[in-house]
Amino acid sequence: MAAKKKALERFVVKLRFLKTRPDEMDLDQGDVVLVSAKFNDGWFKGIRLRGYK
């Protein structure tokens, strides 16, 4: 039996974010992000659809 994959959540960025670390990405207002994981410290892991980062 195949394992179920969790659906990615889709978010639209409201405020610009400029990365300060190598594991972050720049986000502009209006960017669409698919989130694959949420961490207890408030950070998220995901894919920005503009530029596929």
Protein backbone atom coordinates (compact mmCIF):
# COMPACT_ATOMS: atom_id res chain seq x y z
CA MET A 1 0.00 0.00 0.00
CA ALA A 2 1.43 3.39 -0.98
CA ALA A 3 1.99 6.00 1.72
CA LYS A 4 -0.25 9.05 1.57
CA LYS A 5 1.51 12.30 0.75
CA LYS A 6 0.47 15.41 2.62
CA ALA A 7 -0.87 18.11 0.31
CA LEU A 8 1.22 21.27 0.05
CA GLU A 9 -0.37 24.39 1.49
CA ARG A 10 -0.42 27.45 -0.76
CA PHE A 11 0.30 30.93 0.61
CA VAL A 12 0.53 34.40 -0.93
CA VAL A 13 3.29 36.62 0.50
CA LYS A 14 1.95 39.83 2.08
CA LEU A 15 5.23 41.54 3.00
CA ARG A 16 8.63 41.50 1.30
CA PHE A 17 11.29 39.38 3.02
CA LEU A 18 15.00 39.64 2.26
CA LYS A 19 17.08 36.60 3.17
CA THR A 20 19.80 36.96 5.77
CA ARG A 21 21.07 33.36 5.73
CA PRO A 22 21.98 30.90 2.96
CA ASP A 23 19.05 28.58 3.80
CA GLU A 24 16.48 31.38 3.31
CA MET A 25 15.00 32.92 0.15
CA ASP A 26 13.94 36.41 -0.86
CA LEU A 27 10.17 36.82 -1.10
CA ASP A 28 8.29 39.68 -2.73
CA GLN A 29 4.75 40.81 -2.02
CA GLY A 30 2.38 38.69 -4.12
CA ASP A 31 4.75 35.71 -4.52
CA VAL A 32 3.05 32.33 -4.20
CA VAL A 33 4.74 29.78 -1.93
CA LEU A 34 3.90 26.10 -1.54
CA VAL A 35 4.72 25.09 2.05
CA SER A 36 5.86 21.52 2.64
CA ALA A 37 6.78 21.78 6.35
CA LYS A 38 6.17 24.04 9.35
CA PHE A 39 8.65 24.10 12.22
CA ASN A 40 8.05 24.80 15.92
CA ASP A 41 10.30 27.88 15.80
CA GLY A 42 7.93 29.60 13.36
CA TRP A 43 9.89 28.97 10.15
CA PHE A 44 8.47 27.18 7.13
CA LYS A 45 9.99 25.06 4.34
CA GLY A 46 8.60 25.53 0.88
CA ILE A 47 8.93 26.34 -2.79
CA ARG A 48 8.47 29.81 -4.28
CA LEU A 49 6.66 29.40 -7.58
CA ARG A 50 8.37 32.45 -9.13
CA GLY A 51 11.83 31.14 -9.99
CA TYR A 52 11.31 27.74 -8.29
CA LYS A 53 13.58 28.36 -5.26
